[in-house]
């Protein structure tokens, strides 16, 4: 299970590699990880946006979407990790 230091490392990785980059595609391999949104809705809301900043609160990682479109909340569960291509 990712612990607090792991989530901080994920935050630093996101800050160093993904901030201000346009999101061109979202892939959801298992829709069960999404709570109140479908993969199609997530794709529509996030594609074309940029991650402007990030914050960590406990084991949650938040990424602010450009254009005041809210936040993307990430939780890594028992064996999660962050991949960026």
PDB file of N, CA and C in Angstrom:
ATOM      1  N   UNK A   1       0.850  -1.172   0.000  1.00  0.00           N
ATOM      2  CA  UNK A   1       0.000   0.000   0.000  1.00  0.00           C
ATOM      3  C   UNK A   1       0.900   1.241   0.000  1.00  0.00           C
ATOM      4  N   UNK A   2       0.668   2.160  -0.930  1.00  0.00           N
ATOM      5  CA  UNK A   2       1.452   3.392  -0.916  1.00  0.00           C
ATOM      6  C   UNK A   2       1.252   4.134   0.408  1.00  0.00           C
ATOM      7  N   UNK A   3       2.343   4.538   1.005  1.00  0.00           N
ATOM      8  CA  UNK A   3       2.298   5.283   2.261  1.00  0.00           C
ATOM      9  C   UNK A   3       2.509   6.765   1.964  1.00  0.00           C
ATOM     10  N   UNK A   4       2.462   7.589   2.996  1.00  0.00           N
ATOM     11  CA  UNK A   4       2.596   9.033   2.811  1.00  0.00           C
ATOM     12  C   UNK A   4       3.852   9.421   2.024  1.00  0.00           C
ATOM     13  N   UNK A   5       5.022   8.858   2.326  1.00  0.00           N
ATOM     14  CA  UNK A   5       6.200   9.237   1.521  1.00  0.00           C
ATOM     15  C   UNK A   5       6.049   8.875   0.045  1.00  0.00           C
ATOM     16  N   UNK A   6       5.371   7.769  -0.250  1.00  0.00           N
ATOM     17  CA  UNK A   6       5.153   7.381  -1.645  1.00  0.00           C
ATOM     18  C   UNK A   6       4.273   8.402  -2.350  1.00  0.00           C
ATOM     19  N   UNK A   7       3.218   8.840  -1.695  1.00  0.00           N
ATOM     20  CA  UNK A   7       2.310   9.811  -2.306  1.00  0.00           C
ATOM     21  C   UNK A   7       3.039  11.137  -2.520  1.00  0.00           C
ATOM     22  N   UNK A   8       3.912  11.515  -1.605  1.00  0.00           N
ATOM     23  CA  UNK A   8       4.711  12.725  -1.789  1.00  0.00           C
ATOM     24  C   UNK A   8       5.635  12.569  -2.997  1.00  0.00           C
ATOM     25  N   UNK A   9       6.189  11.402  -3.196  1.00  0.00           N
ATOM     26  CA  UNK A   9       7.032  11.149  -4.373  1.00  0.00           C
ATOM     27  C   UNK A   9       6.188  11.246  -5.647  1.00  0.00           C
ATOM     28  N   UNK A  10       4.961  10.702  -5.620  1.00  0.00           N
ATOM     29  CA  UNK A  10       4.068  10.814  -6.780  1.00  0.00           C
ATOM     30  C   UNK A  10       3.783  12.287  -7.076  1.00  0.00           C
ATOM     31  N   UNK A  11       3.559  13.087  -6.028  1.00  0.00           N
ATOM     32  CA  UNK A  11       3.290  14.517  -6.209  1.00  0.00           C
ATOM     33  C   UNK A  11       4.484  15.199  -6.872  1.00  0.00           C
ATOM     34  N   UNK A  12       5.668  14.927  -6.377  1.00  0.00           N
ATOM     35  CA  UNK A  12       6.869  15.548  -6.944  1.00  0.00           C
ATOM     36  C   UNK A  12       7.083  15.115  -8.387  1.00  0.00           C
ATOM     37  N   UNK A  13       6.783  13.852  -8.687  1.00  0.00           N
ATOM     38  CA  UNK A  13       6.887  13.348 -10.060  1.00  0.00           C
ATOM     39  C   UNK A  13       5.889  14.086 -10.963  1.00  0.00           C
ATOM     40  N   UNK A  14       4.658  14.220 -10.503  1.00  0.00           N
ATOM     41  CA  UNK A  14       3.643  14.938 -11.274  1.00  0.00           C
ATOM     42  C   UNK A  14       4.088  16.376 -11.500  1.00  0.00           C
ATOM     43  N   UNK A  15       4.580  17.041 -10.443  1.00  0.00           N
ATOM     44  CA  UNK A  15       5.025  18.430 -10.571  1.00  0.00           C
ATOM     45  C   UNK A  15       6.158  18.574 -11.587  1.00  0.00           C
ATOM     46  N   UNK A  16       7.084  17.625 -11.581  1.00  0.00           N
ATOM     47  CA  UNK A  16       8.257  17.709 -12.456  1.00  0.00           C
ATOM     48  C   UNK A  16       7.962  17.337 -13.899  1.00  0.00           C
ATOM     49  N   UNK A  17       6.958  16.508 -14.140  1.00  0.00           N
ATOM     50  CA  UNK A  17       6.771  15.981 -15.495  1.00  0.00           C
ATOM     51  C   UNK A  17       5.460  16.377 -16.162  1.00  0.00           C
ATOM     52  N   UNK A  18       4.402  16.599 -15.390  1.00  0.00           N
ATOM     53  CA  UNK A  18       3.086  16.729 -16.013  1.00  0.00           C
ATOM     54  C   UNK A  18       2.460  18.116 -15.928  1.00  0.00           C
ATOM     55  N   UNK A  19       2.932  18.961 -15.021  1.00  0.00           N
ATOM     56  CA  UNK A  19       2.308  20.280 -14.905  1.00  0.00           C
ATOM     57  C   UNK A  19       2.448  21.067 -16.203  1.00  0.00           C
ATOM     58  N   UNK A  20       1.367  21.728 -16.570  1.00  0.00           N
ATOM     59  CA  UNK A  20       1.288  22.608 -17.745  1.00  0.00           C
ATOM     60  C   UNK A  20       1.371  21.858 -19.072  1.00  0.00           C
ATOM     61  N   UNK A  21       1.272  20.537 -19.034  1.00  0.00           N
ATOM     62  CA  UNK A  21       1.226  19.743 -20.256  1.00  0.00           C
ATOM     63  C   UNK A  21      -0.234  19.459 -20.600  1.00  0.00           C
ATOM     64  N   UNK A  22      -0.578  19.520 -21.863  1.00  0.00           N
ATOM     65  CA  UNK A  22      -1.954  19.226 -22.271  1.00  0.00           C
ATOM     66  C   UNK A  22      -2.229  17.725 -22.143  1.00  0.00           C
ATOM     67  N   UNK A  23      -3.373  17.407 -21.583  1.00  0.00           N
ATOM     68  CA  UNK A  23      -3.799  16.014 -21.465  1.00  0.00           C
ATOM     69  C   UNK A  23      -4.474  15.637 -22.778  1.00  0.00           C
ATOM     70  N   UNK A  24      -3.897  14.708 -23.496  1.00  0.00           N
ATOM     71  CA  UNK A  24      -4.431  14.330 -24.803  1.00  0.00           C
ATOM     72  C   UNK A  24      -5.265  13.063 -24.745  1.00  0.00           C
ATOM     73  N   UNK A  25      -5.095  12.263 -23.711  1.00  0.00           N
ATOM     74  CA  UNK A  25      -5.868  11.021 -23.626  1.00  0.00           C
ATOM     75  C   UNK A  25      -5.912  10.539 -22.182  1.00  0.00           C
ATOM     76  N   UNK A  26      -7.035   9.966 -21.812  1.00  0.00           N
ATOM     77  CA  UNK A  26      -7.210   9.329 -20.512  1.00  0.00           C
ATOM     78  C   UNK A  26      -7.595   7.882 -20.778  1.00  0.00           C
ATOM     79  N   UNK A  27      -6.941   6.966 -20.102  1.00  0.00           N
ATOM     80  CA  UNK A  27      -7.312   5.547 -20.215  1.00  0.00           C
ATOM     81  C   UNK A  27      -7.722   5.040 -18.844  1.00  0.00           C
ATOM     82  N   UNK A  28      -8.885   4.456 -18.777  1.00  0.00           N
ATOM     83  CA  UNK A  28      -9.362   3.845 -17.535  1.00  0.00           C
ATOM     84  C   UNK A  28      -9.416   2.349 -17.792  1.00  0.00           C
ATOM     85  N   UNK A  29      -8.571   1.610 -17.112  1.00  0.00           N
ATOM     86  CA  UNK A  29      -8.498   0.169 -17.330  1.00  0.00           C
ATOM     87  C   UNK A  29      -9.559  -0.591 -16.531  1.00  0.00           C
ATOM     88  N   UNK A  30     -10.058   0.010 -15.478  1.00  0.00           N
ATOM     89  CA  UNK A  30     -11.070  -0.635 -14.647  1.00  0.00           C
ATOM     90  C   UNK A  30     -11.980   0.451 -14.083  1.00  0.00           C
ATOM     91  N   UNK A  31     -13.191   0.547 -14.622  1.00  0.00           N
ATOM     92  CA  UNK A  31     -14.107   1.619 -14.221  1.00  0.00           C
ATOM     93  C   UNK A  31     -14.541   1.523 -12.767  1.00  0.00           C
ATOM     94  N   UNK A  32     -14.278   0.398 -12.128  1.00  0.00           N
ATOM     95  CA  UNK A  32     -14.660   0.268 -10.718  1.00  0.00           C
ATOM     96  C   UNK A  32     -13.881   1.231  -9.824  1.00  0.00           C
ATOM     97  N   UNK A  33     -12.752   1.755 -10.306  1.00  0.00           N
ATOM     98  CA  UNK A  33     -11.986   2.691  -9.491  1.00  0.00           C
ATOM     99  C   UNK A  33     -12.599   4.092  -9.495  1.00  0.00           C
ATOM    100  N   UNK A  34     -13.496   4.335 -10.430  1.00  0.00           N
ATOM    101  CA  UNK A  34     -14.177   5.628 -10.497  1.00  0.00           C
ATOM    102  C   UNK A  34     -15.432   5.564  -9.637  1.00  0.00           C
ATOM    103  N   UNK A  35     -15.684   6.610  -8.864  1.00  0.00           N
ATOM    104  CA  UNK A  35     -16.838   6.555  -7.979  1.00  0.00           C
ATOM    105  C   UNK A  35     -18.105   7.107  -8.629  1.00  0.00           C
ATOM    106  N   UNK A  36     -18.158   8.401  -8.839  1.00  0.00           N
ATOM    107  CA  UNK A  36     -19.398   9.026  -9.295  1.00  0.00           C
ATOM    108  C   UNK A  36     -19.337   9.546 -10.721  1.00  0.00           C
ATOM    109  N   UNK A  37     -18.428   9.001 -11.515  1.00  0.00           N
ATOM    110  CA  UNK A  37     -18.270   9.474 -12.881  1.00  0.00           C
ATOM    111  C   UNK A  37     -17.918   8.281 -13.769  1.00  0.00           C
ATOM    112  N   UNK A  38     -18.395   8.310 -14.994  1.00  0.00           N
ATOM    113  CA  UNK A  38     -18.051   7.241 -15.934  1.00  0.00           C
ATOM    114  C   UNK A  38     -16.723   7.575 -16.611  1.00  0.00           C
ATOM    115  N   UNK A  39     -16.117   6.592 -17.220  1.00  0.00           N
ATOM    116  CA  UNK A  39     -14.868   6.803 -17.949  1.00  0.00           C
ATOM    117  C   UNK A  39     -15.074   7.804 -19.080  1.00  0.00           C
ATOM    118  N   UNK A  40     -16.213   7.743 -19.745  1.00  0.00           N
ATOM    119  CA  UNK A  40     -16.494   8.665 -20.856  1.00  0.00           C
ATOM    120  C   UNK A  40     -16.602  10.105 -20.366  1.00  0.00           C
ATOM    121  N   UNK A  41     -17.253  10.302 -19.249  1.00  0.00           N
ATOM    122  CA  UNK A  41     -17.389  11.657 -18.691  1.00  0.00           C
ATOM    123  C   UNK A  41     -16.029  12.172 -18.235  1.00  0.00           C
ATOM    124  N   UNK A  42     -15.248  11.324 -17.576  1.00  0.00           N
ATOM    125  CA  UNK A  42     -13.906  11.724 -17.154  1.00  0.00           C
ATOM    126  C   UNK A  42     -13.069  12.116 -18.363  1.00  0.00           C
ATOM    127  N   UNK A  43     -13.119  11.307 -19.409  1.00  0.00           N
ATOM    128  CA  UNK A  43     -12.374  11.603 -20.637  1.00  0.00           C
ATOM    129  C   UNK A  43     -12.777  12.967 -21.201  1.00  0.00           C
ATOM    130  N   UNK A  44     -14.066  13.224 -21.258  1.00  0.00           N
ATOM    131  CA  UNK A  44     -14.571  14.483 -21.820  1.00  0.00           C
ATOM    132  C   UNK A  44     -14.162  15.683 -20.957  1.00  0.00           C
ATOM    133  N   UNK A  45     -14.210  15.538 -19.653  1.00  0.00           N
ATOM    134  CA  UNK A  45     -13.912  16.665 -18.756  1.00  0.00           C
ATOM    135  C   UNK A  45     -12.422  16.975 -18.648  1.00  0.00           C
ATOM    136  N   UNK A  46     -11.568  15.989 -18.864  1.00  0.00           N
ATOM    137  CA  UNK A  46     -10.143  16.174 -18.606  1.00  0.00           C
ATOM    138  C   UNK A  46      -9.326  16.365 -19.888  1.00  0.00           C
ATOM    139  N   UNK A  47      -9.717  15.715 -20.972  1.00  0.00           N
ATOM    140  CA  UNK A  47      -8.959  15.817 -22.222  1.00  0.00           C
ATOM    141  C   UNK A  47      -8.909  17.268 -22.701  1.00  0.00           C
ATOM    142  N   UNK A  48      -7.721  17.691 -23.083  1.00  0.00           N
ATOM    143  CA  UNK A  48      -7.519  19.052 -23.564  1.00  0.00           C
ATOM    144  C   UNK A  48      -7.182  20.039 -22.461  1.00  0.00           C
ATOM    145  N   UNK A  49      -7.314  19.635 -21.204  1.00  0.00           N
ATOM    146  CA  UNK A  49      -7.000  20.501 -20.073  1.00  0.00           C
ATOM    147  C   UNK A  49      -5.525  20.344 -19.716  1.00  0.00           C
ATOM    148  N   UNK A  50      -5.070  21.208 -18.836  1.00  0.00           N
ATOM    149  CA  UNK A  50      -3.712  21.151 -18.314  1.00  0.00           C
ATOM    150  C   UNK A  50      -3.782  21.076 -16.794  1.00  0.00           C
ATOM    151  N   UNK A  51      -2.845  20.364 -16.203  1.00  0.00           N
ATOM    152  CA  UNK A  51      -2.741  20.330 -14.755  1.00  0.00           C
ATOM    153  C   UNK A  51      -1.914  21.544 -14.338  1.00  0.00           C
ATOM    154  N   UNK A  52      -2.521  22.435 -13.566  1.00  0.00           N
ATOM    155  CA  UNK A  52      -1.876  23.703 -13.235  1.00  0.00           C
ATOM    156  C   UNK A  52      -1.097  23.664 -11.930  1.00  0.00           C
ATOM    157  N   UNK A  53      -1.525  22.845 -10.982  1.00  0.00           N
ATOM    158  CA  UNK A  53      -0.819  22.734  -9.708  1.00  0.00           C
ATOM    159  C   UNK A  53      -1.230  21.426  -9.051  1.00  0.00           C
ATOM    160  N   UNK A  54      -0.537  21.088  -7.967  1.00  0.00           N
ATOM    161  CA  UNK A  54      -0.911  19.880  -7.250  1.00  0.00           C
ATOM    162  C   UNK A  54      -0.808  20.127  -5.753  1.00  0.00           C
ATOM    163  N   UNK A  55      -1.512  19.288  -5.009  1.00  0.00           N
ATOM    164  CA  UNK A  55      -1.475  19.350  -3.549  1.00  0.00           C
ATOM    165  C   UNK A  55      -1.689  17.936  -3.025  1.00  0.00           C
ATOM    166  N   UNK A  56      -1.133  17.683  -1.867  1.00  0.00           N
ATOM    167  CA  UNK A  56      -1.323  16.388  -1.229  1.00  0.00           C
ATOM    168  C   UNK A  56      -1.970  16.615   0.116  1.00  0.00           C
ATOM    169  N   UNK A  57      -2.963  15.800   0.416  1.00  0.00           N
ATOM    170  CA  UNK A  57      -3.587  15.814   1.734  1.00  0.00           C
ATOM    171  C   UNK A  57      -3.680  14.363   2.182  1.00  0.00           C
ATOM    172  N   UNK A  58      -2.838  14.006   3.127  1.00  0.00           N
ATOM    173  CA  UNK A  58      -2.781  12.609   3.543  1.00  0.00           C
ATOM    174  C   UNK A  58      -2.362  11.748   2.365  1.00  0.00           C
ATOM    175  N   UNK A  59      -3.133  10.705   2.104  1.00  0.00           N
ATOM    176  CA  UNK A  59      -2.816   9.797   1.002  1.00  0.00           C
ATOM    177  C   UNK A  59      -3.561  10.152  -0.285  1.00  0.00           C
ATOM    178  N   UNK A  60      -4.138  11.352  -0.344  1.00  0.00           N
ATOM    179  CA  UNK A  60      -4.815  11.816  -1.548  1.00  0.00           C
ATOM    180  C   UNK A  60      -3.923  12.831  -2.259  1.00  0.00           C
ATOM    181  N   UNK A  61      -3.887  12.734  -3.570  1.00  0.00           N
ATOM    182  CA  UNK A  61      -3.155  13.681  -4.395  1.00  0.00           C
ATOM    183  C   UNK A  61      -4.178  14.417  -5.250  1.00  0.00           C
ATOM    184  N   UNK A  62      -4.126  15.744  -5.225  1.00  0.00           N
ATOM    185  CA  UNK A  62      -5.052  16.579  -5.983  1.00  0.00           C
ATOM    186  C   UNK A  62      -4.285  17.333  -7.051  1.00  0.00           C
ATOM    187  N   UNK A  63      -4.847  17.388  -8.261  1.00  0.00           N
ATOM    188  CA  UNK A  63      -4.251  18.137  -9.363  1.00  0.00           C
ATOM    189  C   UNK A  63      -5.293  19.111  -9.883  1.00  0.00           C
ATOM    190  N   UNK A  64      -4.964  20.399  -9.853  1.00  0.00           N
ATOM    191  CA  UNK A  64      -5.889  21.438 -10.319  1.00  0.00           C
ATOM    192  C   UNK A  64      -5.909  21.456 -11.838  1.00  0.00           C
ATOM    193  N   UNK A  65      -7.109  21.393 -12.400  1.00  0.00           N
ATOM    194  CA  UNK A  65      -7.274  21.469 -13.851  1.00  0.00           C
ATOM    195  C   UNK A  65      -7.366  22.926 -14.260  1.00  0.00           C
ATOM    196  N   UNK A  66      -6.711  23.277 -15.355  1.00  0.00           N
ATOM    197  CA  UNK A  66      -6.731  24.648 -15.841  1.00  0.00           C
ATOM    198  C   UNK A  66      -8.130  25.110 -16.213  1.00  0.00           C
ATOM    199  N   UNK A  67      -8.315  26.415 -16.186  1.00  0.00           N
ATOM    200  CA  UNK A  67      -9.591  26.994 -16.564  1.00  0.00           C
ATOM    201  C   UNK A  67     -10.651  26.884 -15.489  1.00  0.00           C
ATOM    202  N   UNK A  68     -10.243  26.806 -14.229  1.00  0.00           N
ATOM    203  CA  UNK A  68     -11.192  26.690 -13.111  1.00  0.00           C
ATOM    204  C   UNK A  68     -12.155  25.531 -13.289  1.00  0.00           C
ATOM    205  N   UNK A  69     -11.645  24.424 -13.832  1.00  0.00           N
ATOM    206  CA  UNK A  69     -12.484  23.248 -14.061  1.00  0.00           C
ATOM    207  C   UNK A  69     -12.443  22.260 -12.911  1.00  0.00           C
ATOM    208  N   UNK A  70     -11.931  22.696 -11.767  1.00  0.00           N
ATOM    209  CA  UNK A  70     -11.939  21.830 -10.607  1.00  0.00           C
ATOM    210  C   UNK A  70     -10.632  21.086 -10.416  1.00  0.00           C
ATOM    211  N   UNK A  71     -10.735  20.009  -9.669  1.00  0.00           N
ATOM    212  CA  UNK A  71      -9.572  19.226  -9.278  1.00  0.00           C
ATOM    213  C   UNK A  71      -9.758  17.776  -9.681  1.00  0.00           C
ATOM    214  N   UNK A  72      -8.669  17.151 -10.022  1.00  0.00           N
ATOM    215  CA  UNK A  72      -8.628  15.716 -10.250  1.00  0.00           C
ATOM    216  C   UNK A  72      -8.066  15.109  -8.970  1.00  0.00           C
ATOM    217  N   UNK A  73      -8.833  14.229  -8.313  1.00  0.00           N
ATOM    218  CA  UNK A  73      -8.414  13.633  -7.058  1.00  0.00           C
ATOM    219  C   UNK A  73      -7.922  12.221  -7.323  1.00  0.00           C
ATOM    220  N   UNK A  74      -6.724  11.920  -6.847  1.00  0.00           N
ATOM    221  CA  UNK A  74      -6.120  10.608  -7.049  1.00  0.00           C
ATOM    222  C   UNK A  74      -5.881   9.952  -5.697  1.00  0.00           C
ATOM    223  N   UNK A  75      -6.268   8.694  -5.594  1.00  0.00           N
ATOM    224  CA  UNK A  75      -5.969   7.890  -4.420  1.00  0.00           C
ATOM    225  C   UNK A  75      -5.421   6.571  -4.944  1.00  0.00           C
ATOM    226  N   UNK A  76      -4.351   6.088  -4.378  1.00  0.00           N
ATOM    227  CA  UNK A  76      -3.626   4.975  -4.974  1.00  0.00           C
ATOM    228  C   UNK A  76      -3.984   3.616  -4.410  1.00  0.00           C
ATOM    229  N   UNK A  77      -4.925   3.551  -3.498  1.00  0.00           N
ATOM    230  CA  UNK A  77      -5.426   2.275  -3.007  1.00  0.00           C
ATOM    231  C   UNK A  77      -4.340   1.392  -2.430  1.00  0.00           C
ATOM    232  N   UNK A  78      -4.493   0.099  -2.607  1.00  0.00           N
ATOM    233  CA  UNK A  78      -3.563  -0.867  -2.020  1.00  0.00           C
ATOM    234  C   UNK A  78      -2.259  -1.004  -2.803  1.00  0.00           C
ATOM    235  N   UNK A  79      -2.318  -0.836  -4.112  1.00  0.00           N
ATOM    236  CA  UNK A  79      -1.107  -1.067  -4.904  1.00  0.00           C
ATOM    237  C   UNK A  79      -0.990  -0.089  -6.060  1.00  0.00           C
ATOM    238  N   UNK A  80      -1.550   1.090  -5.904  1.00  0.00           N
ATOM    239  CA  UNK A  80      -1.570   2.050  -7.000  1.00  0.00           C
ATOM    240  C   UNK A  80      -0.234   2.723  -7.236  1.00  0.00           C
ATOM    241  N   UNK A  81      -0.139   3.345  -8.380  1.00  0.00           N
ATOM    242  CA  UNK A  81       1.053   4.079  -8.761  1.00  0.00           C
ATOM    243  C   UNK A  81       0.639   5.106  -9.799  1.00  0.00           C
ATOM    244  N   UNK A  82       1.522   6.005 -10.119  1.00  0.00           N
ATOM    245  CA  UNK A  82       1.254   7.070 -11.074  1.00  0.00           C
ATOM    246  C   UNK A  82       2.092   6.841 -12.313  1.00  0.00           C
ATOM    247  N   UNK A  83       1.435   6.799 -13.465  1.00  0.00           N
ATOM    248  CA  UNK A  83       2.136   6.671 -14.743  1.00  0.00           C
ATOM    249  C   UNK A  83       1.765   7.859 -15.612  1.00  0.00           C
ATOM    250  N   UNK A  84       2.740   8.385 -16.281  1.00  0.00           N
ATOM    251  CA  UNK A  84       2.547   9.521 -17.170  1.00  0.00           C
ATOM    252  C   UNK A  84       3.332   9.250 -18.435  1.00  0.00           C
ATOM    253  N   UNK A  85       2.659   9.358 -19.575  1.00  0.00           N
ATOM    254  CA  UNK A  85       3.318   9.129 -20.863  1.00  0.00           C
ATOM    255  C   UNK A  85       3.188  10.366 -21.714  1.00  0.00           C
TER     256      UNK A  85
END
